[in-house]
Amino acid sequence: MTLQEIVRDLAQHLRLTQKYAREVFIRLEDKITEGLFNDGTVRLGELGLFEVKERKARTGRNPRTKAPVAIPRKIAVAFRARALEKRMMKEIDGAHRVASSLLQDVLSNNEDLGRWLMADTYHHLAHMARLASGGETGWVWYPQDKEKVAEAVRQKLGGDFQRFELATDSWSWSNRLHFHATLWSETGASRTAGLGMGREDREWKVSWFDNR
């Protein structure tokens, strides 16, 4: 996320011009800097704490030549975002519930599983399902064609698994949030499915998935 994206979002939700929203952001930056110079700390409520740290002079080594190098005293600004970390974990828990719900709906043949998919993912799956069944091309819509999407999801995940496990720590973060689920067939064979998560209308949705 960039400064411009933050400014655009502030302008949209606070009904400001982008110029004024940018000025608000710059003013906040100025006040944080002023507070650090005057007090050494700036508390932003639940968001976190800015704090000035002094790093003493020390002797280091050149990583290439291994020769000793004098590193002068330095002032650094540290930010402790414990509240943000807690919120991130809460968000991950929410995404985990959505991923589990999608897999559970696949198992129970629930045609409403389309609600757990991002809009473009839903339409792509439904479009592929219509082509595979010999139907006409073009977009399909929820909920009129939800049974096509449900079948497409089942087929993409292999269609034969009887149970799944999605551990709470089975996620990774590489630009996007990814979950790794284990799927078992009725023969006892297991495989891994990956589910990518994204935000749509401020809710977690499944943006892609694959059967490895």
N, C-alpha and C. Protein backbone atom coordinates (compact mmCIF):
# COMPACT_ATOMS: atom_id res chain seq x y z
N MET A 1 0.84 -1.19 0.00
CA MET A 1 0.00 0.00 0.00
C MET A 1 0.88 1.24 0.00
N THR A 2 0.51 2.24 -0.77
CA THR A 2 1.30 3.46 -0.90
C THR A 2 0.61 4.62 -0.20
N LEU A 3 1.37 5.74 -0.06
CA LEU A 3 0.81 6.95 0.53
C LEU A 3 -0.39 7.43 -0.28
N GLN A 4 -0.27 7.39 -1.59
CA GLN A 4 -1.36 7.85 -2.44
C GLN A 4 -2.63 7.03 -2.22
N GLU A 5 -2.49 5.73 -2.03
CA GLU A 5 -3.65 4.88 -1.77
C GLU A 5 -4.30 5.22 -0.44
N ILE A 6 -3.47 5.51 0.57
CA ILE A 6 -4.01 5.90 1.87
C ILE A 6 -4.74 7.23 1.76
N VAL A 7 -4.13 8.18 1.07
CA VAL A 7 -4.76 9.50 0.88
C VAL A 7 -6.08 9.36 0.13
N ARG A 8 -6.10 8.53 -0.90
CA ARG A 8 -7.33 8.33 -1.68
C ARG A 8 -8.44 7.74 -0.80
N ASP A 9 -8.06 6.78 0.06
CA ASP A 9 -9.04 6.15 0.93
C ASP A 9 -9.57 7.15 1.97
N LEU A 10 -8.66 7.95 2.55
CA LEU A 10 -9.10 8.97 3.51
C LEU A 10 -10.06 9.95 2.87
N ALA A 11 -9.72 10.39 1.66
CA ALA A 11 -10.57 11.34 0.96
C ALA A 11 -11.95 10.77 0.69
N GLN A 12 -12.00 9.50 0.31
CA GLN A 12 -13.27 8.87 -0.02
C GLN A 12 -14.16 8.69 1.21
N HIS A 13 -13.58 8.18 2.31
CA HIS A 13 -14.39 7.84 3.47
C HIS A 13 -14.67 9.04 4.38
N LEU A 14 -13.83 10.08 4.31
CA LEU A 14 -14.07 11.27 5.12
C LEU A 14 -14.68 12.40 4.29
N ARG A 15 -14.92 12.11 3.01
CA ARG A 15 -15.53 13.09 2.09
C ARG A 15 -14.71 14.36 2.02
N LEU A 16 -13.40 14.17 1.80
CA LEU A 16 -12.47 15.27 1.65
C LEU A 16 -11.91 15.27 0.23
N THR A 17 -11.32 16.39 -0.16
CA THR A 17 -10.55 16.37 -1.39
C THR A 17 -9.23 15.65 -1.12
N GLN A 18 -8.63 15.07 -2.16
CA GLN A 18 -7.35 14.38 -1.96
C GLN A 18 -6.27 15.34 -1.50
N LYS A 19 -6.32 16.58 -1.95
CA LYS A 19 -5.34 17.58 -1.51
C LYS A 19 -5.45 17.80 -0.01
N TYR A 20 -6.69 17.95 0.50
CA TYR A 20 -6.88 18.18 1.93
C TYR A 20 -6.50 16.94 2.73
N ALA A 21 -6.85 15.75 2.22
CA ALA A 21 -6.50 14.51 2.90
C ALA A 21 -4.99 14.37 3.02
N ARG A 22 -4.26 14.75 1.97
CA ARG A 22 -2.80 14.69 2.01
C ARG A 22 -2.25 15.68 3.05
N GLU A 23 -2.85 16.86 3.15
CA GLU A 23 -2.41 17.84 4.14
C GLU A 23 -2.62 17.33 5.55
N VAL A 24 -3.73 16.61 5.77
CA VAL A 24 -3.99 16.02 7.09
C VAL A 24 -2.90 15.01 7.43
N PHE A 25 -2.54 14.19 6.46
CA PHE A 25 -1.51 13.18 6.68
C PHE A 25 -0.17 13.84 6.98
N ILE A 26 0.17 14.88 6.23
CA ILE A 26 1.45 15.57 6.44
C ILE A 26 1.47 16.25 7.80
N ARG A 27 0.32 16.82 8.20
CA ARG A 27 0.23 17.46 9.51
C ARG A 27 0.44 16.44 10.62
N LEU A 28 -0.13 15.25 10.46
CA LEU A 28 0.08 14.18 11.44
C LEU A 28 1.56 13.82 11.53
N GLU A 29 2.22 13.71 10.39
CA GLU A 29 3.65 13.40 10.38
C GLU A 29 4.44 14.48 11.11
N ASP A 30 4.08 15.76 10.87
CA ASP A 30 4.78 16.87 11.53
C ASP A 30 4.59 16.80 13.05
N LYS A 31 3.38 16.49 13.50
CA LYS A 31 3.11 16.44 14.94
C LYS A 31 3.85 15.27 15.60
N ILE A 32 3.96 14.14 14.91
CA ILE A 32 4.71 13.00 15.45
C ILE A 32 6.18 13.38 15.59
N THR A 33 6.74 14.03 14.57
CA THR A 33 8.13 14.47 14.63
C THR A 33 8.35 15.45 15.77
N GLU A 34 7.44 16.41 15.92
CA GLU A 34 7.53 17.41 16.99
C GLU A 34 7.47 16.74 18.36
N GLY A 35 6.56 15.77 18.52
CA GLY A 35 6.44 15.06 19.78
C GLY A 35 7.69 14.27 20.13
N LEU A 36 8.32 13.67 19.14
CA LEU A 36 9.54 12.91 19.38
C LEU A 36 10.69 13.82 19.82
N PHE A 37 10.78 15.01 19.19
CA PHE A 37 11.83 15.94 19.58
C PHE A 37 11.60 16.47 21.00
N ASN A 38 10.34 16.73 21.35
CA ASN A 38 10.04 17.35 22.64
C ASN A 38 10.01 16.34 23.79
N ASP A 39 9.43 15.18 23.55
CA ASP A 39 9.17 14.24 24.64
C ASP A 39 9.88 12.89 24.47
N GLY A 40 10.31 12.57 23.27
CA GLY A 40 10.97 11.29 23.04
C GLY A 40 10.01 10.16 22.75
N THR A 41 8.71 10.36 23.01
CA THR A 41 7.71 9.32 22.73
C THR A 41 6.44 9.97 22.19
N VAL A 42 5.72 9.22 21.38
CA VAL A 42 4.40 9.64 20.89
C VAL A 42 3.50 8.42 20.94
N ARG A 43 2.45 8.51 21.75
CA ARG A 43 1.49 7.41 21.86
C ARG A 43 0.28 7.70 20.97
N LEU A 44 -0.05 6.73 20.13
CA LEU A 44 -1.21 6.86 19.26
C LEU A 44 -2.29 5.86 19.66
N GLY A 45 -2.66 5.90 20.92
CA GLY A 45 -3.71 5.03 21.42
C GLY A 45 -3.42 3.57 21.16
N GLU A 46 -4.42 2.86 20.63
CA GLU A 46 -4.28 1.44 20.36
C GLU A 46 -3.39 1.15 19.15
N LEU A 47 -3.11 2.18 18.35
CA LEU A 47 -2.28 1.96 17.16
C LEU A 47 -0.87 1.54 17.52
N GLY A 48 -0.26 2.25 18.48
CA GLY A 48 1.10 1.88 18.87
C GLY A 48 1.86 3.04 19.46
N LEU A 49 3.15 2.86 19.63
CA LEU A 49 4.01 3.82 20.31
C LEU A 49 5.26 4.09 19.48
N PHE A 50 5.50 5.38 19.17
CA PHE A 50 6.76 5.82 18.58
C PHE A 50 7.70 6.21 19.72
N GLU A 51 8.96 5.83 19.60
CA GLU A 51 9.92 6.12 20.67
C GLU A 51 11.30 6.35 20.09
N VAL A 52 11.99 7.38 20.61
CA VAL A 52 13.36 7.67 20.18
C VAL A 52 14.33 6.76 20.93
N LYS A 53 15.21 6.12 20.18
CA LYS A 53 16.23 5.24 20.76
C LYS A 53 17.62 5.75 20.37
N GLU A 54 18.53 5.71 21.33
CA GLU A 54 19.92 6.09 21.03
C GLU A 54 20.76 4.83 20.91
N ARG A 55 21.36 4.67 19.76
CA ARG A 55 22.27 3.55 19.54
C ARG A 55 23.69 4.04 19.75
N LYS A 56 24.37 3.46 20.73
CA LYS A 56 25.71 3.92 21.09
C LYS A 56 26.73 3.61 19.99
N ALA A 57 27.79 4.38 20.03
CA ALA A 57 28.88 4.14 19.08
C ALA A 57 29.49 2.77 19.32
N ARG A 58 29.89 2.11 18.27
CA ARG A 58 30.45 0.77 18.41
C ARG A 58 31.38 0.48 17.25
N THR A 59 32.07 -0.62 17.35
CA THR A 59 32.96 -1.06 16.28
C THR A 59 32.33 -2.26 15.57
N GLY A 60 32.16 -2.11 14.26
CA GLY A 60 31.64 -3.20 13.46
C GLY A 60 32.70 -3.71 12.50
N ARG A 61 32.28 -4.51 11.54
CA ARG A 61 33.22 -5.04 10.55
C ARG A 61 32.66 -4.90 9.15
N ASN A 62 33.54 -4.56 8.23
CA ASN A 62 33.16 -4.51 6.82
C ASN A 62 32.81 -5.94 6.38
N PRO A 63 31.59 -6.18 5.89
CA PRO A 63 31.21 -7.56 5.54
C PRO A 63 32.04 -8.16 4.41
N ARG A 64 32.68 -7.30 3.60
CA ARG A 64 33.45 -7.83 2.47
C ARG A 64 34.91 -8.07 2.85
N THR A 65 35.51 -7.06 3.55
CA THR A 65 36.94 -7.17 3.86
C THR A 65 37.19 -7.67 5.29
N LYS A 66 36.14 -7.65 6.13
CA LYS A 66 36.25 -8.03 7.55
C LYS A 66 37.07 -7.05 8.36
N ALA A 67 37.42 -5.91 7.76
CA ALA A 67 38.19 -4.91 8.49
C ALA A 67 37.29 -4.19 9.49
N PRO A 68 37.83 -3.81 10.66
CA PRO A 68 37.01 -3.09 11.65
C PRO A 68 36.56 -1.72 11.13
N VAL A 69 35.34 -1.35 11.47
CA VAL A 69 34.77 -0.08 11.02
C VAL A 69 34.13 0.59 12.22
N ALA A 70 34.42 1.88 12.42
CA ALA A 70 33.83 2.64 13.52
C ALA A 70 32.42 3.07 13.12
N ILE A 71 31.45 2.70 13.92
CA ILE A 71 30.06 3.08 13.67
C ILE A 71 29.68 4.13 14.70
N PRO A 72 29.39 5.36 14.26
CA PRO A 72 29.13 6.44 15.22
C PRO A 72 27.79 6.27 15.93
N ARG A 73 27.63 7.04 17.00
CA ARG A 73 26.37 7.06 17.73
C ARG A 73 25.25 7.49 16.79
N LYS A 74 24.09 6.92 16.99
CA LYS A 74 22.98 7.19 16.07
C LYS A 74 21.67 7.27 16.82
N ILE A 75 20.81 8.15 16.37
CA ILE A 75 19.46 8.25 16.90
C ILE A 75 18.52 7.52 15.95
N ALA A 76 17.69 6.64 16.50
CA ALA A 76 16.74 5.88 15.68
C ALA A 76 15.35 6.02 16.28
N VAL A 77 14.35 5.86 15.43
CA VAL A 77 12.96 5.89 15.87
C VAL A 77 12.39 4.48 15.79
N ALA A 78 11.91 3.99 16.92
CA ALA A 78 11.31 2.66 16.96
C ALA A 78 9.80 2.79 17.06
N PHE A 79 9.10 1.81 16.49
CA PHE A 79 7.64 1.81 16.57
C PHE A 79 7.18 0.45 17.06
N ARG A 80 6.45 0.45 18.16
CA ARG A 80 5.90 -0.79 18.72
C ARG A 80 4.40 -0.83 18.42
N ALA A 81 4.01 -1.80 17.64
CA ALA A 81 2.62 -1.87 17.16
C ALA A 81 1.94 -3.12 17.69
N ARG A 82 1.92 -3.28 19.00
CA ARG A 82 1.34 -4.50 19.58
C ARG A 82 -0.14 -4.61 19.27
N ALA A 83 -0.85 -3.49 19.31
CA ALA A 83 -2.28 -3.54 19.00
C ALA A 83 -2.52 -3.95 17.55
N LEU A 84 -1.66 -3.45 16.67
CA LEU A 84 -1.80 -3.81 15.26
C LEU A 84 -1.51 -5.29 15.06
N GLU A 85 -0.51 -5.81 15.77
CA GLU A 85 -0.20 -7.23 15.66
C GLU A 85 -1.39 -8.08 16.12
N LYS A 86 -2.03 -7.67 17.22
CA LYS A 86 -3.21 -8.39 17.69
C LYS A 86 -4.33 -8.33 16.66
N ARG A 87 -4.49 -7.17 16.04
CA ARG A 87 -5.55 -7.03 15.03
C ARG A 87 -5.26 -7.90 13.82
N MET A 88 -3.97 -7.96 13.42
CA MET A 88 -3.59 -8.81 12.28
C MET A 88 -3.93 -10.27 12.57
N MET A 89 -3.63 -10.73 13.77
CA MET A 89 -3.94 -12.12 14.11
C MET A 89 -5.44 -12.34 14.13
N LYS A 90 -6.20 -11.34 14.58
CA LYS A 90 -7.66 -11.46 14.58
C LYS A 90 -8.16 -11.56 13.14
N GLU A 91 -7.55 -10.79 12.24
CA GLU A 91 -7.93 -10.84 10.83
C GLU A 91 -7.61 -12.21 10.23
N ILE A 92 -6.45 -12.76 10.59
CA ILE A 92 -6.08 -14.09 10.09
C ILE A 92 -7.07 -15.13 10.58
N ASP A 93 -7.51 -15.00 11.84
CA ASP A 93 -8.52 -15.92 12.37
C ASP A 93 -9.81 -15.83 11.56
N GLY A 94 -10.18 -14.61 11.17
CA GLY A 94 -11.38 -14.42 10.37
C GLY A 94 -11.24 -15.06 9.00
N ALA A 95 -10.08 -14.91 8.38
CA ALA A 95 -9.84 -15.52 7.08
C ALA A 95 -9.85 -17.04 7.19
N HIS A 96 -9.33 -17.56 8.31
CA HIS A 96 -9.33 -19.01 8.54
C HIS A 96 -10.76 -19.55 8.59
N ARG A 97 -11.65 -18.81 9.25
CA ARG A 97 -13.05 -19.24 9.33
C ARG A 97 -13.70 -19.28 7.95
N VAL A 98 -13.38 -18.29 7.11
CA VAL A 98 -13.94 -18.26 5.75
C VAL A 98 -13.42 -19.43 4.93
N ALA A 99 -12.10 -19.70 5.01
CA ALA A 99 -11.52 -20.83 4.27
C ALA A 99 -12.13 -22.15 4.73
N SER A 100 -12.32 -22.30 6.05
CA SER A 100 -12.94 -23.53 6.58
C SER A 100 -14.38 -23.66 6.09
N SER A 101 -15.10 -22.54 6.07
CA SER A 101 -16.50 -22.57 5.63
C SER A 101 -16.61 -22.98 4.17
N LEU A 102 -15.70 -22.50 3.33
CA LEU A 102 -15.72 -22.89 1.92
C LEU A 102 -15.55 -24.40 1.79
N LEU A 103 -14.55 -24.96 2.47
CA LEU A 103 -14.30 -26.40 2.37
C LEU A 103 -15.47 -27.21 2.95
N GLN A 104 -16.05 -26.72 4.04
CA GLN A 104 -17.18 -27.42 4.64
C GLN A 104 -18.38 -27.40 3.70
N ASP A 105 -18.61 -26.29 3.01
CA ASP A 105 -19.71 -26.20 2.06
C ASP A 105 -19.49 -27.12 0.87
N VAL A 106 -18.23 -27.30 0.46
CA VAL A 106 -17.93 -28.25 -0.61
C VAL A 106 -18.29 -29.66 -0.16
N LEU A 107 -17.91 -30.02 1.06
CA LEU A 107 -18.19 -31.35 1.59
C LEU A 107 -19.69 -31.63 1.68
N SER A 108 -20.45 -30.62 2.06
CA SER A 108 -21.88 -30.81 2.27
C SER A 108 -22.71 -30.53 1.03
N ASN A 109 -22.01 -30.34 -0.13
CA ASN A 109 -22.71 -30.04 -1.39
C ASN A 109 -23.60 -28.82 -1.27
N ASN A 110 -23.16 -27.88 -0.50
CA ASN A 110 -23.93 -26.65 -0.29
C ASN A 110 -23.72 -25.71 -1.47
N GLU A 111 -24.78 -25.43 -2.21
CA GLU A 111 -24.67 -24.59 -3.39
C GLU A 111 -24.37 -23.14 -3.04
N ASP A 112 -24.55 -22.78 -1.78
CA ASP A 112 -24.32 -21.39 -1.37
C ASP A 112 -22.86 -21.06 -1.15
N LEU A 113 -21.95 -21.98 -1.47
CA LEU A 113 -20.55 -21.72 -1.19
C LEU A 113 -20.01 -20.56 -2.03
N GLY A 114 -20.75 -20.14 -3.04
CA GLY A 114 -20.32 -19.00 -3.84
C GLY A 114 -20.13 -17.73 -3.03
N ARG A 115 -20.80 -17.65 -1.88
CA ARG A 115 -20.69 -16.44 -1.07
C ARG A 115 -19.31 -16.28 -0.46
N TRP A 116 -18.53 -17.38 -0.41
CA TRP A 116 -17.18 -17.29 0.17
C TRP A 116 -16.15 -16.91 -0.88
N LEU A 117 -16.56 -16.76 -2.15
CA LEU A 117 -15.61 -16.48 -3.23
C LEU A 117 -15.63 -15.01 -3.60
N MET A 118 -14.48 -14.49 -4.00
CA MET A 118 -14.43 -13.14 -4.55
C MET A 118 -15.20 -13.12 -5.86
N ALA A 119 -15.72 -11.97 -6.21
CA ALA A 119 -16.62 -11.87 -7.36
C ALA A 119 -15.97 -12.37 -8.65
N ASP A 120 -14.73 -11.95 -8.91
CA ASP A 120 -14.10 -12.37 -10.16
C ASP A 120 -13.77 -13.87 -10.15
N THR A 121 -13.44 -14.41 -8.98
CA THR A 121 -13.20 -15.86 -8.86
C THR A 121 -14.49 -16.63 -9.12
N TYR A 122 -15.58 -16.15 -8.56
CA TYR A 122 -16.88 -16.80 -8.75
C TYR A 122 -17.25 -16.83 -10.23
N HIS A 123 -17.16 -15.68 -10.89
CA HIS A 123 -17.57 -15.61 -12.28
C HIS A 123 -16.68 -16.46 -13.18
N HIS A 124 -15.37 -16.49 -12.88
CA HIS A 124 -14.46 -17.30 -13.68
C HIS A 124 -14.82 -18.78 -13.56
N LEU A 125 -15.04 -19.25 -12.34
CA LEU A 125 -15.38 -20.66 -12.13
C LEU A 125 -16.70 -21.01 -12.82
N ALA A 126 -17.68 -20.14 -12.67
CA ALA A 126 -18.97 -20.42 -13.27
C ALA A 126 -18.89 -20.42 -14.79
N HIS A 127 -18.07 -19.54 -15.34
CA HIS A 127 -17.87 -19.48 -16.78
C HIS A 127 -17.23 -20.78 -17.27
N MET A 128 -16.21 -21.26 -16.56
CA MET A 128 -15.56 -22.51 -16.94
C MET A 128 -16.52 -23.69 -16.81
N ALA A 129 -17.34 -23.68 -15.77
CA ALA A 129 -18.31 -24.76 -15.58
C ALA A 129 -19.32 -24.80 -16.71
N ARG A 130 -19.77 -23.64 -17.15
CA ARG A 130 -20.75 -23.58 -18.23
C ARG A 130 -20.15 -24.11 -19.53
N LEU A 131 -18.91 -23.73 -19.81
CA LEU A 131 -18.26 -24.22 -21.03
C LEU A 131 -18.08 -25.74 -20.98
N ALA A 132 -17.67 -26.25 -19.79
CA ALA A 132 -17.43 -27.69 -19.66
C ALA A 132 -18.72 -28.50 -19.84
N SER A 133 -19.84 -27.91 -19.49
CA SER A 133 -21.11 -28.63 -19.61
C SER A 133 -21.76 -28.44 -20.97
N GLY A 134 -21.06 -27.76 -21.88
CA GLY A 134 -21.60 -27.57 -23.21
C GLY A 134 -22.57 -26.42 -23.33
N GLY A 135 -22.65 -25.61 -22.28
CA GLY A 135 -23.57 -24.48 -22.32
C GLY A 135 -23.01 -23.32 -23.11
N GLU A 136 -23.81 -22.29 -23.22
CA GLU A 136 -23.38 -21.12 -23.98
C GLU A 136 -22.35 -20.34 -23.20
N THR A 137 -21.54 -19.57 -23.90
CA THR A 137 -20.52 -18.77 -23.23
C THR A 137 -21.15 -17.54 -22.61
N GLY A 138 -20.38 -16.85 -21.80
CA GLY A 138 -20.85 -15.62 -21.17
C GLY A 138 -20.84 -15.75 -19.66
N TRP A 139 -21.06 -14.60 -19.00
CA TRP A 139 -21.03 -14.57 -17.55
C TRP A 139 -22.26 -15.26 -16.96
N VAL A 140 -22.11 -15.74 -15.75
CA VAL A 140 -23.24 -16.26 -14.99
C VAL A 140 -23.28 -15.49 -13.67
N TRP A 141 -24.40 -15.56 -12.99
CA TRP A 141 -24.59 -14.69 -11.84
C TRP A 141 -25.07 -15.46 -10.64
N TYR A 142 -24.71 -14.94 -9.47
CA TYR A 142 -25.12 -15.52 -8.21
C TYR A 142 -26.41 -14.81 -7.75
N PRO A 143 -27.45 -15.52 -7.32
CA PRO A 143 -27.45 -16.96 -7.04
C PRO A 143 -28.05 -17.82 -8.15
N GLN A 144 -28.45 -17.20 -9.27
CA GLN A 144 -29.15 -17.98 -10.30
C GLN A 144 -28.37 -19.20 -10.76
N ASP A 145 -27.06 -19.07 -10.90
CA ASP A 145 -26.24 -20.17 -11.44
C ASP A 145 -25.30 -20.75 -10.39
N LYS A 146 -25.68 -20.66 -9.13
CA LYS A 146 -24.77 -21.06 -8.05
C LYS A 146 -24.43 -22.55 -8.10
N GLU A 147 -25.33 -23.39 -8.63
CA GLU A 147 -25.03 -24.82 -8.68
C GLU A 147 -23.87 -25.09 -9.62
N LYS A 148 -23.70 -24.29 -10.66
CA LYS A 148 -22.56 -24.47 -11.58
C LYS A 148 -21.25 -24.15 -10.86
N VAL A 149 -21.29 -23.11 -10.03
CA VAL A 149 -20.08 -22.73 -9.29
C VAL A 149 -19.74 -23.80 -8.26
N ALA A 150 -20.75 -24.32 -7.56
CA ALA A 150 -20.50 -25.35 -6.56
C ALA A 150 -19.85 -26.56 -7.20
N GLU A 151 -20.33 -26.97 -8.36
CA GLU A 151 -19.75 -28.12 -9.04
C GLU A 151 -18.34 -27.82 -9.51
N ALA A 152 -18.12 -26.60 -10.01
CA ALA A 152 -16.78 -26.24 -10.47
C ALA A 152 -15.78 -26.25 -9.33
N VAL A 153 -16.17 -25.77 -8.15
CA VAL A 153 -15.27 -25.78 -6.99
C VAL A 153 -14.95 -27.21 -6.60
N ARG A 154 -15.97 -28.08 -6.55
CA ARG A 154 -15.74 -29.48 -6.18
C ARG A 154 -14.76 -30.15 -7.15
N GLN A 155 -14.96 -29.90 -8.45
CA GLN A 155 -14.08 -30.52 -9.44
C GLN A 155 -12.65 -29.98 -9.33
N LYS A 156 -12.52 -28.69 -9.10
CA LYS A 156 -11.18 -28.09 -9.02
C LYS A 156 -10.41 -28.61 -7.81
N LEU A 157 -11.14 -28.97 -6.73
CA LEU A 157 -10.49 -29.52 -5.54
C LEU A 157 -10.35 -31.03 -5.60
N GLY A 158 -10.74 -31.63 -6.70
CA GLY A 158 -10.60 -33.08 -6.85
C GLY A 158 -11.91 -33.81 -6.74
N GLY A 159 -12.88 -33.25 -6.01
CA GLY A 159 -14.22 -33.78 -5.96
C GLY A 159 -14.43 -35.03 -5.12
N ASP A 160 -13.35 -35.70 -4.68
CA ASP A 160 -13.53 -36.98 -4.00
C ASP A 160 -13.14 -36.96 -2.53
N PHE A 161 -12.78 -35.80 -1.96
CA PHE A 161 -12.31 -35.82 -0.57
C PHE A 161 -13.49 -35.89 0.39
N GLN A 162 -13.28 -36.60 1.49
CA GLN A 162 -14.34 -36.86 2.46
C GLN A 162 -14.18 -36.06 3.75
N ARG A 163 -12.99 -35.58 4.01
CA ARG A 163 -12.77 -34.74 5.18
C ARG A 163 -11.55 -33.87 4.92
N PHE A 164 -11.38 -32.87 5.73
CA PHE A 164 -10.25 -31.95 5.57
C PHE A 164 -9.76 -31.49 6.93
N GLU A 165 -8.53 -30.99 6.93
CA GLU A 165 -7.97 -30.37 8.13
C GLU A 165 -7.35 -29.04 7.72
N LEU A 166 -7.71 -28.00 8.44
CA LEU A 166 -7.15 -26.68 8.18
C LEU A 166 -6.69 -26.12 9.52
N ALA A 167 -5.45 -26.44 9.86
CA ALA A 167 -4.91 -26.03 11.16
C ALA A 167 -4.84 -24.51 11.26
N THR A 168 -4.97 -23.99 12.49
CA THR A 168 -4.97 -22.54 12.68
C THR A 168 -3.63 -21.90 12.28
N ASP A 169 -2.55 -22.69 12.30
CA ASP A 169 -1.23 -22.14 11.94
C ASP A 169 -0.81 -22.55 10.53
N SER A 170 -1.79 -22.97 9.71
CA SER A 170 -1.44 -23.47 8.37
C SER A 170 -1.45 -22.36 7.34
N TRP A 171 -1.03 -21.16 7.73
CA TRP A 171 -1.06 -20.03 6.81
C TRP A 171 0.35 -19.50 6.56
N SER A 172 0.51 -18.82 5.46
CA SER A 172 1.75 -18.13 5.14
C SER A 172 1.40 -16.79 4.52
N TRP A 173 2.36 -15.87 4.57
CA TRP A 173 2.11 -14.52 4.06
C TRP A 173 3.20 -14.18 3.05
N SER A 174 2.81 -14.09 1.79
CA SER A 174 3.73 -13.67 0.73
C SER A 174 2.95 -12.74 -0.18
N ASN A 175 2.89 -11.46 0.20
CA ASN A 175 2.07 -10.44 -0.44
C ASN A 175 0.59 -10.66 -0.17
N ARG A 176 0.15 -11.89 -0.22
CA ARG A 176 -1.24 -12.23 0.10
C ARG A 176 -1.27 -13.32 1.16
N LEU A 177 -2.45 -13.53 1.75
CA LEU A 177 -2.61 -14.54 2.77
C LEU A 177 -2.96 -15.88 2.13
N HIS A 178 -2.21 -16.93 2.48
CA HIS A 178 -2.41 -18.26 1.90
C HIS A 178 -2.64 -19.27 3.01
N PHE A 179 -3.61 -20.16 2.79
CA PHE A 179 -3.86 -21.27 3.71
C PHE A 179 -3.56 -22.59 3.00
N HIS A 180 -3.10 -23.56 3.78
CA HIS A 180 -2.74 -24.86 3.25
C HIS A 180 -3.59 -25.92 3.97
N ALA A 181 -4.53 -26.50 3.25
CA ALA A 181 -5.44 -27.49 3.83
C ALA A 181 -5.04 -28.89 3.39
N THR A 182 -5.23 -29.86 4.29
CA THR A 182 -5.02 -31.26 3.94
C THR A 182 -6.38 -31.89 3.65
N LEU A 183 -6.49 -32.56 2.50
CA LEU A 183 -7.73 -33.22 2.08
C LEU A 183 -7.52 -34.73 2.06
N TRP A 184 -8.48 -35.48 2.62
CA TRP A 184 -8.40 -36.94 2.60
C TRP A 184 -9.54 -37.51 1.75
N SER A 185 -9.20 -38.48 0.89
CA SER A 185 -10.22 -39.19 0.13
C SER A 185 -10.72 -40.38 0.95
N GLU A 186 -11.76 -41.07 0.47
CA GLU A 186 -12.32 -42.19 1.22
C GLU A 186 -11.37 -43.38 1.26
N THR A 187 -10.34 -43.39 0.39
CA THR A 187 -9.34 -44.46 0.43
C THR A 187 -8.26 -44.19 1.48
N GLY A 188 -8.28 -42.99 2.08
CA GLY A 188 -7.28 -42.64 3.08
C GLY A 188 -6.11 -41.86 2.52
N ALA A 189 -6.07 -41.70 1.19
CA ALA A 189 -4.99 -40.91 0.58
C ALA A 189 -5.20 -39.43 0.88
N SER A 190 -4.10 -38.72 1.08
CA SER A 190 -4.20 -37.29 1.40
C SER A 190 -3.46 -36.46 0.35
N ARG A 191 -3.86 -35.23 0.26
CA ARG A 191 -3.19 -34.27 -0.62
C ARG A 191 -3.38 -32.88 -0.01
N THR A 192 -2.68 -31.92 -0.54
CA THR A 192 -2.74 -30.56 -0.01
C THR A 192 -3.42 -29.64 -1.00
N ALA A 193 -4.30 -28.82 -0.50
CA ALA A 193 -4.94 -27.78 -1.30
C ALA A 193 -4.51 -26.42 -0.77
N GLY A 194 -4.27 -25.51 -1.67
CA GLY A 194 -3.91 -24.15 -1.28
C GLY A 194 -5.06 -23.20 -1.55
N LEU A 195 -5.33 -22.30 -0.61
CA LEU A 195 -6.38 -21.31 -0.76
C LEU A 195 -5.79 -19.93 -0.54
N GLY A 196 -5.96 -19.05 -1.52
CA GLY A 196 -5.52 -17.67 -1.39
C GLY A 196 -6.68 -16.80 -0.93
N MET A 197 -6.40 -15.87 -0.03
CA MET A 197 -7.44 -15.03 0.54
C MET A 197 -7.22 -13.57 0.18
N GLY A 198 -8.31 -12.86 -0.03
CA GLY A 198 -8.25 -11.43 -0.32
C GLY A 198 -9.40 -10.72 0.35
N ARG A 199 -9.34 -9.39 0.35
CA ARG A 199 -10.39 -8.58 0.97
C ARG A 199 -11.30 -8.01 -0.11
N GLU A 200 -12.59 -8.14 0.08
CA GLU A 200 -13.57 -7.59 -0.84
C GLU A 200 -14.72 -7.03 -0.01
N ASP A 201 -15.00 -5.74 -0.21
CA ASP A 201 -16.04 -5.07 0.58
C ASP A 201 -15.77 -5.26 2.08
N ARG A 202 -14.48 -5.20 2.45
CA ARG A 202 -14.04 -5.28 3.85
C ARG A 202 -14.32 -6.63 4.49
N GLU A 203 -14.50 -7.65 3.67
CA GLU A 203 -14.68 -9.00 4.18
C GLU A 203 -13.68 -9.93 3.51
N TRP A 204 -13.28 -10.99 4.22
CA TRP A 204 -12.37 -11.97 3.64
C TRP A 204 -13.14 -12.85 2.66
N LYS A 205 -12.53 -13.08 1.51
CA LYS A 205 -13.08 -13.97 0.51
C LYS A 205 -11.94 -14.83 -0.05
N VAL A 206 -12.30 -15.98 -0.63
CA VAL A 206 -11.31 -16.85 -1.27
C VAL A 206 -11.07 -16.31 -2.68
N SER A 207 -9.83 -15.98 -2.98
CA SER A 207 -9.51 -15.39 -4.29
C SER A 207 -8.99 -16.42 -5.28
N TRP A 208 -8.44 -17.52 -4.79
CA TRP A 208 -8.02 -18.62 -5.68
C TRP A 208 -7.80 -19.86 -4.82
N PHE A 209 -7.76 -21.01 -5.48
CA PHE A 209 -7.43 -22.24 -4.78
C PHE A 209 -6.93 -23.24 -5.81
N ASP A 210 -6.15 -24.20 -5.34
CA ASP A 210 -5.64 -25.25 -6.25
C ASP A 210 -5.52 -26.56 -5.50
N ASN A 211 -5.53 -27.62 -6.26
CA ASN A 211 -5.43 -28.98 -5.74
C ASN A 211 -4.07 -29.51 -6.17
N ARG A 212 -3.13 -29.62 -5.23
CA ARG A 212 -1.75 -29.95 -5.60
C ARG A 212 -1.55 -31.45 -5.73
